[in-house]
C-alpha atoms as a PDB file:
ATOM      1  CA  MET A   1       4.812  -2.221  18.578  1.00  0.00           C
ATOM      2  CA  GLY A   2       3.072   1.068  17.783  1.00  0.00           C
ATOM      3  CA  LEU A   3       2.885   3.069  14.581  1.00  0.00           C
ATOM      4  CA  GLY A   4       3.898   6.373  16.116  1.00  0.00           C
ATOM      5  CA  GLY A   5       2.331   9.454  17.546  1.00  0.00           C
ATOM      6  CA  LEU A   6       1.623  11.237  14.254  1.00  0.00           C
ATOM      7  CA  TYR A   7      -0.397   8.283  12.920  1.00  0.00           C
ATOM      8  CA  LYS A   8      -2.444   8.105  16.123  1.00  0.00           C
ATOM      9  CA  VAL A   9      -3.161  11.858  16.114  1.00  0.00           C
ATOM     10  CA  GLN A  10      -4.236  11.806  12.460  1.00  0.00           C
ATOM     11  CA  ARG A  11      -6.434   8.736  13.045  1.00  0.00           C
ATOM     12  CA  ASP A  12      -8.040  10.337  16.104  1.00  0.00           C
ATOM     13  CA  ARG A  13      -8.814  13.464  14.066  1.00  0.00           C
ATOM     14  CA  GLY A  14     -10.277  11.388  11.226  1.00  0.00           C
ATOM     15  CA  GLU A  15      -7.655  12.704   8.794  1.00  0.00           C
ATOM     16  CA  ILE A  16      -6.605   9.227   7.676  1.00  0.00           C
ATOM     17  CA  GLY A  17      -8.272   5.849   7.629  1.00  0.00           C
ATOM     18  CA  PRO A  18      -7.111   2.576   9.138  1.00  0.00           C
ATOM     19  CA  LEU A  19      -3.960   0.876   7.944  1.00  0.00           C
ATOM     20  CA  LEU A  20      -4.666  -1.784   5.307  1.00  0.00           C
ATOM     21  CA  ILE A  21      -2.212  -4.624   4.779  1.00  0.00           C
ATOM     22  CA  THR A  22      -2.846  -6.532   1.550  1.00  0.00           C
ATOM     23  CA  MET A  23      -1.249  -9.700   0.220  1.00  0.00           C
ATOM     24  CA  VAL A  24      -1.219  -9.691  -3.577  1.00  0.00           C
ATOM     25  CA  LYS A  25      -0.758 -12.390  -6.201  1.00  0.00           C
ATOM     26  CA  PRO A  26       2.799 -13.295  -7.217  1.00  0.00           C
ATOM     27  CA  GLY A  27       4.033 -11.127 -10.090  1.00  0.00           C
ATOM     28  CA  SER A  28       1.949  -8.090  -9.130  1.00  0.00           C
ATOM     29  CA  PHE A  29       4.966  -5.894  -8.456  1.00  0.00           C
ATOM     30  CA  ASP A  30       6.578  -7.144 -11.676  1.00  0.00           C
ATOM     31  CA  ARG A  31       3.571  -5.660 -13.521  1.00  0.00           C
ATOM     32  CA  ILE A  32       4.133  -2.349 -11.744  1.00  0.00           C
ATOM     33  CA  LEU A  33       7.831  -2.437 -12.678  1.00  0.00           C
ATOM     34  CA  GLN A  34       6.895  -3.103 -16.309  1.00  0.00           C
ATOM     35  CA  MET A  35       4.485  -0.168 -16.279  1.00  0.00           C
ATOM     36  CA  ALA A  36       7.208   2.103 -14.863  1.00  0.00           C
ATOM     37  CA  VAL A  37       9.709   0.968 -17.517  1.00  0.00           C
ATOM     38  CA  GLU A  38       7.128   1.588 -20.254  1.00  0.00           C
ATOM     39  CA  ASN A  39       6.804   5.130 -18.871  1.00  0.00           C
ATOM     40  CA  GLY A  40      10.541   5.776 -19.114  1.00  0.00           C
ATOM     41  CA  VAL A  41      11.910   4.713 -15.730  1.00  0.00           C
ATOM     42  CA  PRO A  42      15.155   2.735 -16.119  1.00  0.00           C
ATOM     43  CA  ALA A  43      14.634  -0.752 -14.650  1.00  0.00           C
ATOM     44  CA  SER A  44      17.903  -0.421 -12.720  1.00  0.00           C
ATOM     45  CA  GLN A  45      16.593   2.744 -11.010  1.00  0.00           C
ATOM     46  CA  TYR A  46      13.117   1.440 -10.124  1.00  0.00           C
ATOM     47  CA  LYS A  47      12.148   1.077  -6.462  1.00  0.00           C
ATOM     48  CA  PRO A  48       8.830  -0.482  -5.384  1.00  0.00           C
ATOM     49  CA  PRO A  49       6.523   2.184  -3.943  1.00  0.00           C
ATOM     50  CA  LYS A  50       5.865   2.360  -0.204  1.00  0.00           C
ATOM     51  CA  ILE A  51       2.887   4.696  -0.520  1.00  0.00           C
ATOM     52  CA  ILE A  52       0.746   4.403  -3.635  1.00  0.00           C
ATOM     53  CA  ARG A  53      -1.263   7.353  -4.918  1.00  0.00           C
ATOM     54  CA  ASN A  54      -1.298   6.497  -8.648  1.00  0.00           C
ATOM     55  CA  SER A  55      -4.769   5.155  -9.502  1.00  0.00           C
ATOM     56  CA  LYS A  56      -3.439   2.773 -12.192  1.00  0.00           C
ATOM     57  CA  ILE A  57      -1.050   1.146  -9.709  1.00  0.00           C
ATOM     58  CA  VAL A  58      -3.797   0.975  -7.092  1.00  0.00           C
ATOM     59  CA  GLY A  59      -6.014  -0.743  -9.680  1.00  0.00           C
ATOM     60  CA  ILE A  60      -3.332  -3.328 -10.486  1.00  0.00           C
ATOM     61  CA  LEU A  61      -2.878  -4.164  -6.811  1.00  0.00           C
ATOM     62  CA  GLU A  62      -6.606  -4.212  -6.039  1.00  0.00           C
ATOM     63  CA  ALA A  63      -7.142  -6.645  -8.923  1.00  0.00           C
ATOM     64  CA  ALA A  64      -4.384  -8.861  -7.494  1.00  0.00           C
ATOM     65  CA  ASP A  65      -5.724  -8.795  -3.909  1.00  0.00           C
ATOM     66  CA  LEU A  66      -5.599 -12.178  -2.191  1.00  0.00           C
ATOM     67  CA  VAL A  67      -6.361 -11.047   1.365  1.00  0.00           C
ATOM     68  CA  THR A  68      -6.551  -7.690   3.157  1.00  0.00           C
ATOM     69  CA  ILE A  69      -6.238  -7.095   6.888  1.00  0.00           C
ATOM     70  CA  CYS A  70      -7.553  -3.856   8.389  1.00  0.00           C
ATOM     71  CA  SER A  71      -5.764  -2.460  11.449  1.00  0.00           C
ATOM     72  CA  ASP A  72      -9.151  -1.830  13.074  1.00  0.00           C
ATOM     73  CA  SER A  73      -9.622  -5.604  13.291  1.00  0.00           C
ATOM     74  CA  LEU A  74      -6.351  -6.095  15.213  1.00  0.00           C
ATOM     75  CA  ASN A  75      -5.828  -5.259  18.886  1.00  0.00           C
ATOM     76  CA  GLY A  76      -8.948  -3.121  18.895  1.00  0.00           C
ATOM     77  CA  GLY A  77      -7.459  -0.980  16.130  1.00  0.00           C
ATOM     78  CA  ASP A  78      -4.640   0.327  18.332  1.00  0.00           C
ATOM     79  CA  LEU A  79      -1.445  -0.727  16.573  1.00  0.00           C
END
């Protein structure tokens, strides 16, 4: 199964890096939910992020990293 033409074009141009898939410790997304609620997001309206650009959230997830797989290490990097 491929990731789509746009991903491949952007990777070939060097515009984006390889896909990283990371397993995090249990409760990691609960911490992110708590942070969102503390910043005024109603818990009932919260949705886990698909793409993370907020450096605080990235820090929480990096600290909770159990294992990370890089797409370059799978199938020669051609997902």
